[in-house]
Protein backbone atom coordinates (compact mmCIF):
# COMPACT_ATOMS: atom_id res chain seq x y z
CA MET A 1 -20.70 36.11 32.67
CA ARG A 2 -19.79 32.42 32.69
CA GLY A 3 -16.52 33.18 34.49
CA ILE A 4 -18.41 34.48 37.50
CA PHE A 5 -20.12 31.16 38.16
CA ARG A 6 -17.12 28.88 37.64
CA SER A 7 -15.96 27.21 40.79
CA ARG A 8 -12.33 27.12 41.86
CA HIS A 9 -12.40 23.36 41.45
CA GLU A 10 -13.53 23.67 37.82
CA VAL A 11 -10.76 26.17 37.08
CA TRP A 12 -8.21 23.90 38.79
CA LEU A 13 -9.36 20.89 36.75
CA GLU A 14 -9.06 22.79 33.47
CA GLU A 15 -5.57 24.02 34.39
CA GLU A 16 -4.58 20.48 35.39
CA LEU A 17 -5.80 19.19 32.02
CA VAL A 18 -3.65 21.75 30.20
CA ARG A 19 -0.60 20.75 32.29
CA GLU A 20 -1.18 17.03 31.64
CA ARG A 21 -1.52 17.56 27.88
CA GLU A 22 1.71 19.58 27.80
CA GLU A 23 3.52 16.88 29.77
CA CYS A 24 2.26 14.21 27.34
CA ARG A 25 3.46 16.29 24.38
CA LYS A 26 6.92 16.63 25.96
CA LEU A 27 7.11 12.91 26.77
CA ARG A 28 6.14 11.96 23.21
CA ALA A 29 8.87 14.23 21.83
CA GLU A 30 11.41 12.75 24.24
CA ASN A 31 10.38 9.19 23.35
CA ARG A 32 10.62 9.99 19.63
CA GLY A 33 14.12 11.40 20.19
CA LEU A 34 15.27 8.33 22.12
CA THR A 35 13.78 6.00 19.51
CA ASN A 36 15.48 7.89 16.69
CA SER A 37 18.75 7.69 18.59
CA LEU A 38 18.43 3.91 18.92
CA LEU A 39 17.44 3.59 15.27
CA GLY A 40 20.51 5.61 14.30
CA VAL A 41 22.76 3.28 16.29
CA ALA A 42 21.14 0.32 14.55
CA GLY A 43 21.78 1.90 11.15
CA HIS A 44 18.21 2.86 10.28
CA GLY A 45 16.80 6.23 9.38
CA PRO A 46 14.85 8.30 11.88
CA MET A 47 11.13 8.02 12.38
CA THR A 48 9.11 10.64 10.59
CA GLU A 49 6.86 13.03 12.44
CA PRO A 50 3.59 11.23 13.09
CA VAL A 51 0.65 12.41 11.06
CA LYS A 52 -1.85 14.20 13.22
CA PRO A 53 -5.16 12.40 13.15
CA GLN A 54 -7.87 14.53 11.66
CA THR A 55 -10.76 15.29 13.88
CA PRO A 56 -13.94 13.99 12.38
CA ARG A 57 -16.02 16.74 10.86
CA LEU A 58 -19.54 16.99 12.06
CA MET A 59 -21.70 16.20 9.11
CA GLY A 60 -24.98 17.99 8.97
CA ARG A 61 -27.80 17.03 6.71
CA ARG A 62 -26.95 17.35 3.06
CA SER A 63 -29.28 18.60 0.38
CA LEU A 64 -30.06 16.40 -2.61
CA HIS A 65 -27.97 18.71 -4.79
CA GLN A 66 -24.93 18.27 -2.51
CA VAL A 67 -25.32 14.48 -2.44
CA GLN A 68 -25.62 14.32 -6.24
CA ALA A 69 -22.58 16.56 -6.72
CA ARG A 70 -20.48 14.39 -4.40
CA THR A 71 -21.62 11.21 -6.16
CA GLU A 72 -20.86 12.63 -9.60
CA ARG A 73 -17.44 13.84 -8.47
CA ALA A 74 -16.55 10.41 -7.05
CA SER A 75 -17.77 8.70 -10.21
CA LEU A 76 -15.73 11.04 -12.41
CA GLU A 77 -12.61 10.37 -10.34
CA ARG A 78 -13.09 6.59 -10.71
CA ILE A 79 -13.54 6.94 -14.49
CA GLN A 80 -10.41 9.09 -14.78
CA ALA A 81 -8.40 6.61 -12.69
CA ARG A 82 -9.52 3.71 -14.90
CA ALA A 83 -8.67 5.65 -18.06
CA ALA A 84 -5.19 6.47 -16.72
CA ALA A 85 -4.64 2.83 -15.78
CA MET A 86 -5.72 1.67 -19.25
CA GLU A 87 -3.40 4.19 -20.94
CA THR A 88 -0.49 2.98 -18.81
CA ALA A 89 -1.30 -0.65 -19.61
CA GLU A 90 -1.53 0.09 -23.34
CA ALA A 91 1.73 2.03 -23.31
CA THR A 92 3.60 -0.78 -21.58
CA ALA A 93 1.96 -3.57 -23.60
CA GLY A 94 3.74 -2.65 -26.82
CA LYS A 95 7.22 -2.50 -25.26
CA PRO A 96 9.37 -5.62 -24.92
CA ASP A 97 10.61 -6.57 -21.47
CA ALA A 98 14.08 -5.31 -20.55
CA SER A 99 14.84 -8.60 -18.76
């Protein structure tokens, strides 16, 4: 039903947006290729594929149970990280330096 009421201009704008995004994607790939080529000539390794930014998730309201579970999980992770760091420090404390 929505398609009936769309104007030609609106359809044209949406198609133009798709074309522009595709052109940007192609230009980025070409730029990455040229940059990697220059880096190769200079003796450096190629650039890695850029990490796609994550779109922010829309956060709805959270129940008290969900908030408490998240807080407990974060606290547990911090405790485990501290314990692992302490074990590593204790294990290396008894060994003489190899210097």
